[in-house]
Amino acid sequence: MTRVPLTSESLPSQFAESPDPLKESSLLGEKLYVSWFLANSLKAKDCQIRLRIIYKDLTEEEILYPLKGYRVGTFGTLLAGEKYEEKKGFYSYKATLETSKGIVLDTWKQLMWVEIEK
């Protein structure tokens, strides 16, 4: 998993020198990328990634991403604009690779991951 800062200078249109309304704005945020590679023994259509995010305001969000039959891939989740201003950014995150029945096959945690008591 990789977390990258997002500004108007990091937009692809900045490098391609193409028109983009976001270039003119004061875009600020972060993007979190999750990549996977499944072993041949697993069926990708039966798997999903459960991404749990803790934001800097200590709220949590959970995203379920079905692998849709792809053994290798990457997906990203964007935190920008008003939501970024409200949440203040990503604090920590944890991803689990699991079957559609909820059996955990693998887990990856960012170093600052903690379980928040409610």
PDB file of N, CA and C in Angstrom:
ATOM      1  N   MET A   1       0.849  -1.164   0.000  1.00  0.00           N
ATOM      2  CA  MET A   1       0.000   0.000   0.000  1.00  0.00           C
ATOM      3  C   MET A   1       0.895   1.226   0.000  1.00  0.00           C
ATOM      4  N   THR A   2       0.432   2.235  -0.671  1.00  0.00           N
ATOM      5  CA  THR A   2       1.198   3.462  -0.788  1.00  0.00           C
ATOM      6  C   THR A   2       0.273   4.649  -0.599  1.00  0.00           C
ATOM      7  N   ARG A   3       0.732   5.620   0.176  1.00  0.00           N
ATOM      8  CA  ARG A   3      -0.024   6.857   0.369  1.00  0.00           C
ATOM      9  C   ARG A   3       0.775   7.976  -0.282  1.00  0.00           C
ATOM     10  N   VAL A   4       0.129   8.762  -1.132  1.00  0.00           N
ATOM     11  CA  VAL A   4       0.818   9.851  -1.814  1.00  0.00           C
ATOM     12  C   VAL A   4       0.056  11.152  -1.605  1.00  0.00           C
ATOM     13  N   PRO A   5       0.788  12.266  -1.445  1.00  0.00           N
ATOM     14  CA  PRO A   5       0.111  13.561  -1.331  1.00  0.00           C
ATOM     15  C   PRO A   5      -0.448  13.967  -2.692  1.00  0.00           C
ATOM     16  N   LEU A   6      -1.484  14.769  -2.679  1.00  0.00           N
ATOM     17  CA  LEU A   6      -2.135  15.208  -3.902  1.00  0.00           C
ATOM     18  C   LEU A   6      -2.214  16.722  -3.890  1.00  0.00           C
ATOM     19  N   THR A   7      -1.628  17.332  -4.902  1.00  0.00           N
ATOM     20  CA  THR A   7      -1.725  18.779  -5.104  1.00  0.00           C
ATOM     21  C   THR A   7      -1.989  19.022  -6.581  1.00  0.00           C
ATOM     22  N   SER A   8      -2.303  20.237  -6.948  1.00  0.00           N
ATOM     23  CA  SER A   8      -2.558  20.524  -8.362  1.00  0.00           C
ATOM     24  C   SER A   8      -1.294  20.310  -9.197  1.00  0.00           C
ATOM     25  N   GLU A   9      -0.106  20.410  -8.583  1.00  0.00           N
ATOM     26  CA  GLU A   9       1.150  20.174  -9.305  1.00  0.00           C
ATOM     27  C   GLU A   9       1.378  18.693  -9.598  1.00  0.00           C
ATOM     28  N   SER A  10       0.685  17.789  -8.888  1.00  0.00           N
ATOM     29  CA  SER A  10       0.884  16.353  -9.099  1.00  0.00           C
ATOM     30  C   SER A  10      -0.110  15.749 -10.090  1.00  0.00           C
ATOM     31  N   LEU A  11      -0.969  16.570 -10.677  1.00  0.00           N
ATOM     32  CA  LEU A  11      -1.946  16.072 -11.646  1.00  0.00           C
ATOM     33  C   LEU A  11      -1.255  15.673 -12.954  1.00  0.00           C
ATOM     34  N   PRO A  12      -1.715  14.621 -13.608  1.00  0.00           N
ATOM     35  CA  PRO A  12      -1.131  14.227 -14.898  1.00  0.00           C
ATOM     36  C   PRO A  12      -1.185  15.350 -15.935  1.00  0.00           C
ATOM     37  N   SER A  13      -2.228  16.168 -15.892  1.00  0.00           N
ATOM     38  CA  SER A  13      -2.352  17.257 -16.862  1.00  0.00           C
ATOM     39  C   SER A  13      -1.233  18.284 -16.706  1.00  0.00           C
ATOM     40  N   GLN A  14      -0.651  18.370 -15.525  1.00  0.00           N
ATOM     41  CA  GLN A  14       0.466  19.288 -15.299  1.00  0.00           C
ATOM     42  C   GLN A  14       1.675  18.867 -16.136  1.00  0.00           C
ATOM     43  N   PHE A  15       1.918  17.548 -16.197  1.00  0.00           N
ATOM     44  CA  PHE A  15       3.072  17.039 -16.942  1.00  0.00           C
ATOM     45  C   PHE A  15       2.785  16.975 -18.438  1.00  0.00           C
ATOM     46  N   ALA A  16       1.530  16.700 -18.788  1.00  0.00           N
ATOM     47  CA  ALA A  16       1.149  16.600 -20.195  1.00  0.00           C
ATOM     48  C   ALA A  16       0.867  17.972 -20.805  1.00  0.00           C
ATOM     49  N   GLU A  17       0.847  19.007 -19.969  1.00  0.00           N
ATOM     50  CA  GLU A  17       0.538  20.370 -20.384  1.00  0.00           C
ATOM     51  C   GLU A  17      -0.780  20.426 -21.144  1.00  0.00           C
ATOM     52  N   SER A  18      -1.791  19.742 -20.587  1.00  0.00           N
ATOM     53  CA  SER A  18      -3.122  19.741 -21.186  1.00  0.00           C
ATOM     54  C   SER A  18      -4.079  20.522 -20.286  1.00  0.00           C
ATOM     55  N   PRO A  19      -5.186  20.983 -20.838  1.00  0.00           N
ATOM     56  CA  PRO A  19      -6.141  21.739 -20.028  1.00  0.00           C
ATOM     57  C   PRO A  19      -6.782  20.865 -18.955  1.00  0.00           C
ATOM     58  N   ASP A  20      -6.932  21.424 -17.794  1.00  0.00           N
ATOM     59  CA  ASP A  20      -7.569  20.701 -16.692  1.00  0.00           C
ATOM     60  C   ASP A  20      -8.073  21.746 -15.698  1.00  0.00           C
ATOM     61  N   PRO A  21      -9.387  21.771 -15.414  1.00  0.00           N
ATOM     62  CA  PRO A  21      -9.909  22.773 -14.473  1.00  0.00           C
ATOM     63  C   PRO A  21      -9.335  22.616 -13.072  1.00  0.00           C
ATOM     64  N   LEU A  22      -8.893  21.412 -12.703  1.00  0.00           N
ATOM     65  CA  LEU A  22      -8.327  21.218 -11.375  1.00  0.00           C
ATOM     66  C   LEU A  22      -6.954  21.880 -11.223  1.00  0.00           C
ATOM     67  N   LYS A  23      -6.261  22.129 -12.352  1.00  0.00           N
ATOM     68  CA  LYS A  23      -4.939  22.777 -12.285  1.00  0.00           C
ATOM     69  C   LYS A  23      -5.042  24.167 -11.681  1.00  0.00           C
ATOM     70  N   GLU A  24      -6.143  24.820 -11.965  1.00  0.00           N
ATOM     71  CA  GLU A  24      -6.319  26.198 -11.500  1.00  0.00           C
ATOM     72  C   GLU A  24      -6.792  26.251 -10.045  1.00  0.00           C
ATOM     73  N   SER A  25      -7.294  25.162  -9.531  1.00  0.00           N
ATOM     74  CA  SER A  25      -7.798  25.161  -8.162  1.00  0.00           C
ATOM     75  C   SER A  25      -6.667  24.890  -7.181  1.00  0.00           C
ATOM     76  N   SER A  26      -6.948  25.091  -5.925  1.00  0.00           N
ATOM     77  CA  SER A  26      -5.969  24.794  -4.888  1.00  0.00           C
ATOM     78  C   SER A  26      -6.246  23.404  -4.337  1.00  0.00           C
ATOM     79  N   LEU A  27      -6.132  22.405  -5.201  1.00  0.00           N
ATOM     80  CA  LEU A  27      -6.404  21.020  -4.841  1.00  0.00           C
ATOM     81  C   LEU A  27      -5.417  20.558  -3.783  1.00  0.00           C
ATOM     82  N   LEU A  28      -5.947  19.945  -2.737  1.00  0.00           N
ATOM     83  CA  LEU A  28      -5.110  19.431  -1.670  1.00  0.00           C
ATOM     84  C   LEU A  28      -5.734  18.148  -1.166  1.00  0.00           C
ATOM     85  N   GLY A  29      -4.909  17.134  -0.960  1.00  0.00           N
ATOM     86  CA  GLY A  29      -5.437  15.873  -0.470  1.00  0.00           C
ATOM     87  C   GLY A  29      -4.392  14.779  -0.470  1.00  0.00           C
ATOM     88  N   GLU A  30      -4.862  13.534  -0.377  1.00  0.00           N
ATOM     89  CA  GLU A  30      -3.999  12.359  -0.391  1.00  0.00           C
ATOM     90  C   GLU A  30      -4.724  11.251  -1.149  1.00  0.00           C
ATOM     91  N   LYS A  31      -3.945  10.336  -1.688  1.00  0.00           N
ATOM     92  CA  LYS A  31      -4.522   9.172  -2.346  1.00  0.00           C
ATOM     93  C   LYS A  31      -3.810   7.943  -1.811  1.00  0.00           C
ATOM     94  N   LEU A  32      -4.591   6.915  -1.517  1.00  0.00           N
ATOM     95  CA  LEU A  32      -4.076   5.670  -0.967  1.00  0.00           C
ATOM     96  C   LEU A  32      -4.258   4.580  -2.023  1.00  0.00           C
ATOM     97  N   TYR A  33      -3.148   3.927  -2.398  1.00  0.00           N
ATOM     98  CA  TYR A  33      -3.175   2.853  -3.389  1.00  0.00           C
ATOM     99  C   TYR A  33      -2.983   1.515  -2.701  1.00  0.00           C
ATOM    100  N   VAL A  34      -3.782   0.525  -3.107  1.00  0.00           N
ATOM    101  CA  VAL A  34      -3.670  -0.839  -2.593  1.00  0.00           C
ATOM    102  C   VAL A  34      -3.433  -1.756  -3.794  1.00  0.00           C
ATOM    103  N   SER A  35      -2.364  -2.552  -3.744  1.00  0.00           N
ATOM    104  CA  SER A  35      -2.045  -3.491  -4.816  1.00  0.00           C
ATOM    105  C   SER A  35      -2.131  -4.909  -4.290  1.00  0.00           C
ATOM    106  N   TRP A  36      -2.424  -5.863  -5.179  1.00  0.00           N
ATOM    107  CA  TRP A  36      -2.493  -7.266  -4.776  1.00  0.00           C
ATOM    108  C   TRP A  36      -1.952  -8.156  -5.880  1.00  0.00           C
ATOM    109  N   PHE A  37      -1.536  -9.335  -5.477  1.00  0.00           N
ATOM    110  CA  PHE A  37      -1.091 -10.397  -6.378  1.00  0.00           C
ATOM    111  C   PHE A  37      -1.504 -11.711  -5.746  1.00  0.00           C
ATOM    112  N   LEU A  38      -2.406 -12.414  -6.388  1.00  0.00           N
ATOM    113  CA  LEU A  38      -2.922 -13.657  -5.831  1.00  0.00           C
ATOM    114  C   LEU A  38      -2.143 -14.867  -6.339  1.00  0.00           C
ATOM    115  N   ALA A  39      -1.971 -15.841  -5.480  1.00  0.00           N
ATOM    116  CA  ALA A  39      -1.352 -17.112  -5.858  1.00  0.00           C
ATOM    117  C   ALA A  39      -2.267 -17.856  -6.824  1.00  0.00           C
ATOM    118  N   ASN A  40      -1.681 -18.741  -7.619  1.00  0.00           N
ATOM    119  CA  ASN A  40      -2.461 -19.523  -8.586  1.00  0.00           C
ATOM    120  C   ASN A  40      -3.514 -20.399  -7.918  1.00  0.00           C
ATOM    121  N   SER A  41      -3.289 -20.749  -6.671  1.00  0.00           N
ATOM    122  CA  SER A  41      -4.213 -21.638  -5.974  1.00  0.00           C
ATOM    123  C   SER A  41      -5.512 -20.941  -5.547  1.00  0.00           C
ATOM    124  N   LEU A  42      -5.564 -19.623  -5.656  1.00  0.00           N
ATOM    125  CA  LEU A  42      -6.757 -18.872  -5.248  1.00  0.00           C
ATOM    126  C   LEU A  42      -7.565 -18.419  -6.452  1.00  0.00           C
ATOM    127  N   LYS A  43      -8.869 -18.388  -6.300  1.00  0.00           N
ATOM    128  CA  LYS A  43      -9.753 -17.888  -7.352  1.00  0.00           C
ATOM    129  C   LYS A  43     -10.076 -16.426  -7.045  1.00  0.00           C
ATOM    130  N   ALA A  44      -9.645 -15.545  -7.928  1.00  0.00           N
ATOM    131  CA  ALA A  44      -9.819 -14.112  -7.690  1.00  0.00           C
ATOM    132  C   ALA A  44     -11.285 -13.708  -7.604  1.00  0.00           C
ATOM    133  N   LYS A  45     -12.145 -14.373  -8.349  1.00  0.00           N
ATOM    134  CA  LYS A  45     -13.564 -13.991  -8.315  1.00  0.00           C
ATOM    135  C   LYS A  45     -14.200 -14.269  -6.958  1.00  0.00           C
ATOM    136  N   ASP A  46     -13.555 -15.107  -6.139  1.00  0.00           N
ATOM    137  CA  ASP A  46     -14.064 -15.428  -4.809  1.00  0.00           C
ATOM    138  C   ASP A  46     -13.389 -14.613  -3.706  1.00  0.00           C
ATOM    139  N   CYS A  47     -12.586 -13.603  -4.077  1.00  0.00           N
ATOM    140  CA  CYS A  47     -11.826 -12.835  -3.079  1.00  0.00           C
ATOM    141  C   CYS A  47     -12.192 -11.353  -3.111  1.00  0.00           C
ATOM    142  N   GLN A  48     -11.895 -10.699  -2.003  1.00  0.00           N
ATOM    143  CA  GLN A  48     -12.105  -9.255  -1.888  1.00  0.00           C
ATOM    144  C   GLN A  48     -11.053  -8.678  -0.957  1.00  0.00           C
ATOM    145  N   ILE A  49     -10.866  -7.362  -1.050  1.00  0.00           N
ATOM    146  CA  ILE A  49      -9.984  -6.657  -0.128  1.00  0.00           C
ATOM    147  C   ILE A  49     -10.857  -5.803   0.764  1.00  0.00           C
ATOM    148  N   ARG A  50     -10.638  -5.918   2.067  1.00  0.00           N
ATOM    149  CA  ARG A  50     -11.326  -5.094   3.063  1.00  0.00           C
ATOM    150  C   ARG A  50     -10.305  -4.067   3.537  1.00  0.00           C
ATOM    151  N   LEU A  51     -10.535  -2.810   3.189  1.00  0.00           N
ATOM    152  CA  LEU A  51      -9.629  -1.726   3.567  1.00  0.00           C
ATOM    153  C   LEU A  51     -10.270  -0.929   4.683  1.00  0.00           C
ATOM    154  N   ARG A  52      -9.606  -0.888   5.821  1.00  0.00           N
ATOM    155  CA  ARG A  52     -10.076  -0.083   6.955  1.00  0.00           C
ATOM    156  C   ARG A  52      -9.158   1.120   7.083  1.00  0.00           C
ATOM    157  N   ILE A  53      -9.763   2.294   7.143  1.00  0.00           N
ATOM    158  CA  ILE A  53      -9.011   3.549   7.197  1.00  0.00           C
ATOM    159  C   ILE A  53      -9.354   4.277   8.483  1.00  0.00           C
ATOM    160  N   ILE A  54      -8.333   4.787   9.156  1.00  0.00           N
ATOM    161  CA  ILE A  54      -8.523   5.702  10.282  1.00  0.00           C
ATOM    162  C   ILE A  54      -8.016   7.061   9.813  1.00  0.00           C
ATOM    163  N   TYR A  55      -8.877   8.055   9.901  1.00  0.00           N
ATOM    164  CA  TYR A  55      -8.501   9.411   9.506  1.00  0.00           C
ATOM    165  C   TYR A  55      -7.889  10.148  10.696  1.00  0.00           C
ATOM    166  N   LYS A  56      -7.256  11.276  10.421  1.00  0.00           N
ATOM    167  CA  LYS A  56      -6.606  12.044  11.488  1.00  0.00           C
ATOM    168  C   LYS A  56      -7.600  12.632  12.487  1.00  0.00           C
ATOM    169  N   ASP A  57      -8.879  12.718  12.120  1.00  0.00           N
ATOM    170  CA  ASP A  57      -9.881  13.158  13.092  1.00  0.00           C
ATOM    171  C   ASP A  57     -10.408  11.976  13.905  1.00  0.00           C
ATOM    172  N   LEU A  58      -9.757  10.800  13.753  1.00  0.00           N
ATOM    173  CA  LEU A  58     -10.038   9.547  14.467  1.00  0.00           C
ATOM    174  C   LEU A  58     -11.384   8.921  14.113  1.00  0.00           C
ATOM    175  N   THR A  59     -11.943   9.287  12.970  1.00  0.00           N
ATOM    176  CA  THR A  59     -13.105   8.571  12.449  1.00  0.00           C
ATOM    177  C   THR A  59     -12.591   7.421  11.580  1.00  0.00           C
ATOM    178  N   GLU A  60     -13.450   6.428  11.362  1.00  0.00           N
ATOM    179  CA  GLU A  60     -13.063   5.254  10.592  1.00  0.00           C
ATOM    180  C   GLU A  60     -13.969   5.070   9.392  1.00  0.00           C
ATOM    181  N   GLU A  61     -13.427   4.406   8.390  1.00  0.00           N
ATOM    182  CA  GLU A  61     -14.210   4.036   7.211  1.00  0.00           C
ATOM    183  C   GLU A  61     -13.739   2.660   6.748  1.00  0.00           C
ATOM    184  N   GLU A  62     -14.664   1.879   6.220  1.00  0.00           N
ATOM    185  CA  GLU A  62     -14.318   0.557   5.697  1.00  0.00           C
ATOM    186  C   GLU A  62     -14.778   0.477   4.247  1.00  0.00           C
ATOM    187  N   ILE A  63     -13.875   0.011   3.386  1.00  0.00           N
ATOM    188  CA  ILE A  63     -14.173  -0.124   1.964  1.00  0.00           C
ATOM    189  C   ILE A  63     -13.968  -1.580   1.576  1.00  0.00           C
ATOM    190  N   LEU A  64     -14.972  -2.180   0.939  1.00  0.00           N
ATOM    191  CA  LEU A  64     -14.860  -3.541   0.412  1.00  0.00           C
ATOM    192  C   LEU A  64     -14.636  -3.443  -1.086  1.00  0.00           C
ATOM    193  N   TYR A  65     -13.577  -4.087  -1.561  1.00  0.00           N
ATOM    194  CA  TYR A  65     -13.253  -4.041  -2.985  1.00  0.00           C
ATOM    195  C   TYR A  65     -13.197  -5.465  -3.524  1.00  0.00           C
ATOM    196  N   PRO A  66     -14.203  -5.891  -4.308  1.00  0.00           N
ATOM    197  CA  PRO A  66     -14.158  -7.228  -4.907  1.00  0.00           C
ATOM    198  C   PRO A  66     -13.111  -7.265  -6.015  1.00  0.00           C
ATOM    199  N   LEU A  67     -12.354  -8.357  -6.121  1.00  0.00           N
ATOM    200  CA  LEU A  67     -11.274  -8.438  -7.095  1.00  0.00           C
ATOM    201  C   LEU A  67     -11.766  -8.718  -8.510  1.00  0.00           C
ATOM    202  N   LYS A  68     -13.012  -9.085  -8.685  1.00  0.00           N
ATOM    203  CA  LYS A  68     -13.667  -9.217  -9.994  1.00  0.00           C
ATOM    204  C   LYS A  68     -12.912 -10.134 -10.953  1.00  0.00           C
ATOM    205  N   GLY A  69     -12.254 -11.146 -10.428  1.00  0.00           N
ATOM    206  CA  GLY A  69     -11.581 -12.106 -11.291  1.00  0.00           C
ATOM    207  C   GLY A  69     -10.153 -11.755 -11.662  1.00  0.00           C
ATOM    208  N   TYR A  70      -9.632 -10.633 -11.187  1.00  0.00           N
ATOM    209  CA  TYR A  70      -8.260 -10.224 -11.514  1.00  0.00           C
ATOM    210  C   TYR A  70      -7.283 -10.716 -10.447  1.00  0.00           C
ATOM    211  N   ARG A  71      -6.277 -11.466 -10.849  1.00  0.00           N
ATOM    212  CA  ARG A  71      -5.291 -11.997  -9.902  1.00  0.00           C
ATOM    213  C   ARG A  71      -4.254 -10.947  -9.495  1.00  0.00           C
ATOM    214  N   VAL A  72      -4.066  -9.923 -10.334  1.00  0.00           N
ATOM    215  CA  VAL A  72      -3.107  -8.854 -10.061  1.00  0.00           C
ATOM    216  C   VAL A  72      -3.814  -7.532 -10.307  1.00  0.00           C
ATOM    217  N   GLY A  73      -3.567  -6.552  -9.455  1.00  0.00           N
ATOM    218  CA  GLY A  73      -4.188  -5.257  -9.685  1.00  0.00           C
ATOM    219  C   GLY A  73      -3.899  -4.245  -8.609  1.00  0.00           C
ATOM    220  N   THR A  74      -4.439  -3.060  -8.815  1.00  0.00           N
ATOM    221  CA  THR A  74      -4.286  -1.934  -7.890  1.00  0.00           C
ATOM    222  C   THR A  74      -5.577  -1.128  -7.917  1.00  0.00           C
ATOM    223  N   PHE A  75      -5.985  -0.635  -6.763  1.00  0.00           N
ATOM    224  CA  PHE A  75      -7.077   0.342  -6.728  1.00  0.00           C
ATOM    225  C   PHE A  75      -6.667   1.458  -5.787  1.00  0.00           C
ATOM    226  N   GLY A  76      -7.304   2.604  -5.954  1.00  0.00           N
ATOM    227  CA  GLY A  76      -6.970   3.750  -5.126  1.00  0.00           C
ATOM    228  C   GLY A  76      -8.210   4.364  -4.518  1.00  0.00           C
ATOM    229  N   THR A  77      -8.014   4.995  -3.382  1.00  0.00           N
ATOM    230  CA  THR A  77      -9.095   5.747  -2.754  1.00  0.00           C
ATOM    231  C   THR A  77      -8.587   7.171  -2.517  1.00  0.00           C
ATOM    232  N   LEU A  78      -9.381   8.126  -2.940  1.00  0.00           N
ATOM    233  CA  LEU A  78      -8.991   9.527  -2.924  1.00  0.00           C
ATOM    234  C   LEU A  78      -9.611  10.252  -1.736  1.00  0.00           C
ATOM    235  N   LEU A  79      -8.814  11.071  -1.095  1.00  0.00           N
ATOM    236  CA  LEU A  79      -9.284  11.950  -0.022  1.00  0.00           C
ATOM    237  C   LEU A  79      -8.877  13.363  -0.411  1.00  0.00           C
ATOM    238  N   ALA A  80      -9.832  14.156  -0.875  1.00  0.00           N
ATOM    239  CA  ALA A  80      -9.514  15.501  -1.359  1.00  0.00           C
ATOM    240  C   ALA A  80     -10.697  16.422  -1.135  1.00  0.00           C
ATOM    241  N   GLY A  81     -10.443  17.693  -1.322  1.00  0.00           N
ATOM    242  CA  GLY A  81     -11.502  18.694  -1.221  1.00  0.00           C
ATOM    243  C   GLY A  81     -12.045  18.857   0.183  1.00  0.00           C
ATOM    244  N   GLU A  82     -13.363  18.970   0.278  1.00  0.00           N
ATOM    245  CA  GLU A  82     -14.015  19.193   1.571  1.00  0.00           C
ATOM    246  C   GLU A  82     -13.801  18.028   2.527  1.00  0.00           C
ATOM    247  N   LYS A  83     -13.823  16.808   1.989  1.00  0.00           N
ATOM    248  CA  LYS A  83     -13.618  15.646   2.860  1.00  0.00           C
ATOM    249  C   LYS A  83     -12.214  15.667   3.455  1.00  0.00           C
ATOM    250  N   TYR A  84     -11.213  16.089   2.671  1.00  0.00           N
ATOM    251  CA  TYR A  84      -9.845  16.191   3.190  1.00  0.00           C
ATOM    252  C   TYR A  84      -9.769  17.250   4.287  1.00  0.00           C
ATOM    253  N   GLU A  85     -10.418  18.379   4.077  1.00  0.00           N
ATOM    254  CA  GLU A  85     -10.412  19.437   5.086  1.00  0.00           C
ATOM    255  C   GLU A  85     -11.082  18.967   6.376  1.00  0.00           C
ATOM    256  N   GLU A  86     -12.140  18.177   6.247  1.00  0.00           N
ATOM    257  CA  GLU A  86     -12.862  17.667   7.415  1.00  0.00           C
ATOM    258  C   GLU A  86     -12.055  16.585   8.141  1.00  0.00           C
ATOM    259  N   LYS A  87     -11.509  15.650   7.392  1.00  0.00           N
ATOM    260  CA  LYS A  87     -10.812  14.496   7.980  1.00  0.00           C
ATOM    261  C   LYS A  87      -9.350  14.778   8.314  1.00  0.00           C
ATOM    262  N   LYS A  88      -8.748  15.777   7.688  1.00  0.00           N
ATOM    263  CA  LYS A  88      -7.352  16.196   7.919  1.00  0.00           C
ATOM    264  C   LYS A  88      -6.321  15.219   7.362  1.00  0.00           C
ATOM    265  N   GLY A  89      -6.743  14.189   6.645  1.00  0.00           N
ATOM    266  CA  GLY A  89      -5.812  13.246   6.031  1.00  0.00           C
ATOM    267  C   GLY A  89      -5.942  11.845   6.604  1.00  0.00           C
ATOM    268  N   PHE A  90      -5.171  10.912   6.018  1.00  0.00           N
ATOM    269  CA  PHE A  90      -5.142   9.533   6.495  1.00  0.00           C
ATOM    270  C   PHE A  90      -4.235   9.453   7.718  1.00  0.00           C
ATOM    271  N   TYR A  91      -4.674   8.772   8.758  1.00  0.00           N
ATOM    272  CA  TYR A  91      -3.814   8.506   9.912  1.00  0.00           C
ATOM    273  C   TYR A  91      -3.184   7.128   9.775  1.00  0.00           C
ATOM    274  N   SER A  92      -4.019   6.122   9.535  1.00  0.00           N
ATOM    275  CA  SER A  92      -3.513   4.762   9.403  1.00  0.00           C
ATOM    276  C   SER A  92      -4.507   3.927   8.601  1.00  0.00           C
ATOM    277  N   TYR A  93      -4.050   2.745   8.174  1.00  0.00           N
ATOM    278  CA  TYR A  93      -4.898   1.895   7.361  1.00  0.00           C
ATOM    279  C   TYR A  93      -4.450   0.449   7.474  1.00  0.00           C
ATOM    280  N   LYS A  94      -5.410  -0.425   7.206  1.00  0.00           N
ATOM    281  CA  LYS A  94      -5.178  -1.858   7.292  1.00  0.00           C
ATOM    282  C   LYS A  94      -5.974  -2.520   6.171  1.00  0.00           C
ATOM    283  N   ALA A  95      -5.327  -3.443   5.461  1.00  0.00           N
ATOM    284  CA  ALA A  95      -6.009  -4.156   4.387  1.00  0.00           C
ATOM    285  C   ALA A  95      -5.954  -5.651   4.659  1.00  0.00           C
ATOM    286  N   THR A  96      -7.073  -6.319   4.444  1.00  0.00           N
ATOM    287  CA  THR A  96      -7.101  -7.773   4.551  1.00  0.00           C
ATOM    288  C   THR A  96      -7.606  -8.341   3.235  1.00  0.00           C
ATOM    289  N   LEU A  97      -6.936  -9.376   2.792  1.00  0.00           N
ATOM    290  CA  LEU A  97      -7.370 -10.140   1.638  1.00  0.00           C
ATOM    291  C   LEU A  97      -8.192 -11.289   2.188  1.00  0.00           C
ATOM    292  N   GLU A  98      -9.421 -11.394   1.744  1.00  0.00           N
ATOM    293  CA  GLU A  98     -10.303 -12.412   2.302  1.00  0.00           C
ATOM    294  C   GLU A  98     -11.205 -13.011   1.236  1.00  0.00           C
ATOM    295  N   THR A  99     -11.737 -14.170   1.556  1.00  0.00           N
ATOM    296  CA  THR A  99     -12.686 -14.803   0.648  1.00  0.00           C
ATOM    297  C   THR A  99     -14.044 -14.126   0.811  1.00  0.00           C
ATOM    298  N   SER A 100     -14.942 -14.408  -0.102  1.00  0.00           N
ATOM    299  CA  SER A 100     -16.285 -13.826  -0.017  1.00  0.00           C
ATOM    300  C   SER A 100     -17.034 -14.339   1.206  1.00  0.00           C
ATOM    301  N   LYS A 101     -16.538 -15.435   1.809  1.00  0.00           N
ATOM    302  CA  LYS A 101     -17.148 -15.973   3.029  1.00  0.00           C
ATOM    303  C   LYS A 101     -16.528 -15.373   4.299  1.00  0.00           C
ATOM    304  N   GLY A 102     -15.555 -14.456   4.133  1.00  0.00           N
ATOM    305  CA  GLY A 102     -14.964 -13.776   5.276  1.00  0.00           C
ATOM    306  C   GLY A 102     -13.725 -14.427   5.857  1.00  0.00           C
ATOM    307  N   ILE A 103     -13.179 -15.447   5.212  1.00  0.00           N
ATOM    308  CA  ILE A 103     -11.952 -16.096   5.700  1.00  0.00           C
ATOM    309  C   ILE A 103     -10.757 -15.237   5.302  1.00  0.00           C
ATOM    310  N   VAL A 104      -9.974 -14.798   6.286  1.00  0.00           N
ATOM    311  CA  VAL A 104      -8.834 -13.920   6.040  1.00  0.00           C
ATOM    312  C   VAL A 104      -7.658 -14.741   5.517  1.00  0.00           C
ATOM    313  N   LEU A 105      -7.153 -14.332   4.330  1.00  0.00           N
ATOM    314  CA  LEU A 105      -6.029 -15.015   3.701  1.00  0.00           C
ATOM    315  C   LEU A 105      -4.709 -14.304   3.971  1.00  0.00           C
ATOM    316  N   ASP A 106      -4.746 -12.983   4.078  1.00  0.00           N
ATOM    317  CA  ASP A 106      -3.535 -12.201   4.329  1.00  0.00           C
ATOM    318  C   ASP A 106      -3.946 -10.844   4.901  1.00  0.00           C
ATOM    319  N   THR A 107      -3.057 -10.248   5.672  1.00  0.00           N
ATOM    320  CA  THR A 107      -3.312  -8.949   6.290  1.00  0.00           C
ATOM    321  C   THR A 107      -2.075  -8.071   6.158  1.00  0.00           C
ATOM    322  N   TRP A 108      -2.293  -6.787   5.886  1.00  0.00           N
ATOM    323  CA  TRP A 108      -1.205  -5.821   5.883  1.00  0.00           C
ATOM    324  C   TRP A 108      -1.667  -4.609   6.679  1.00  0.00           C
ATOM    325  N   LYS A 109      -0.817  -4.169   7.639  1.00  0.00           N
ATOM    326  CA  LYS A 109      -1.160  -3.010   8.474  1.00  0.00           C
ATOM    327  C   LYS A 109      -0.070  -1.953   8.338  1.00  0.00           C
ATOM    328  N   GLN A 110      -0.476  -0.716   8.257  1.00  0.00           N
ATOM    329  CA  GLN A 110       0.456   0.397   8.307  1.00  0.00           C
ATOM    330  C   GLN A 110       1.009   0.449   9.726  1.00  0.00           C
ATOM    331  N   LEU A 111       2.230   0.918   9.916  1.00  0.00           N
ATOM    332  CA  LEU A 111       2.902   0.869  11.223  1.00  0.00           C
ATOM    333  C   LEU A 111       2.120   1.535  12.354  1.00  0.00           C
ATOM    334  N   MET A 112       1.349   2.539  12.067  1.00  0.00           N
ATOM    335  CA  MET A 112       0.615   3.272  13.112  1.00  0.00           C
ATOM    336  C   MET A 112      -0.778   2.699  13.355  1.00  0.00           C
ATOM    337  N   TRP A 113      -1.099   1.529  12.797  1.00  0.00           N
ATOM    338  CA  TRP A 113      -2.439   0.972  12.934  1.00  0.00           C
ATOM    339  C   TRP A 113      -2.752   0.633  14.390  1.00  0.00           C
ATOM    340  N   VAL A 114      -3.918   1.033  14.846  1.00  0.00           N
ATOM    341  CA  VAL A 114      -4.422   0.699  16.182  1.00  0.00           C
ATOM    342  C   VAL A 114      -5.909   0.427  16.045  1.00  0.00           C
ATOM    343  N   GLU A 115      -6.438  -0.380  16.940  1.00  0.00           N
ATOM    344  CA  GLU A 115      -7.881  -0.587  17.006  1.00  0.00           C
ATOM    345  C   GLU A 115      -8.448   0.510  17.900  1.00  0.00           C
ATOM    346  N   ILE A 116      -9.383   1.271  17.398  1.00  0.00           N
ATOM    347  CA  ILE A 116      -9.998   2.347  18.172  1.00  0.00           C
ATOM    348  C   ILE A 116     -11.193   1.790  18.925  1.00  0.00           C
ATOM    349  N   GLU A 117     -11.204   1.991  20.237  1.00  0.00           N
ATOM    350  CA  GLU A 117     -12.333   1.550  21.045  1.00  0.00           C
ATOM    351  C   GLU A 117     -13.485   2.521  20.890  1.00  0.00           C
ATOM    352  N   LYS A 118     -14.664   1.971  20.871  1.00  0.00           N
ATOM    353  CA  LYS A 118     -15.848   2.833  20.708  1.00  0.00           C
ATOM    354  C   LYS A 118     -16.654   2.889  21.964  1.00  0.00           C
TER     355      LYS A 118
END
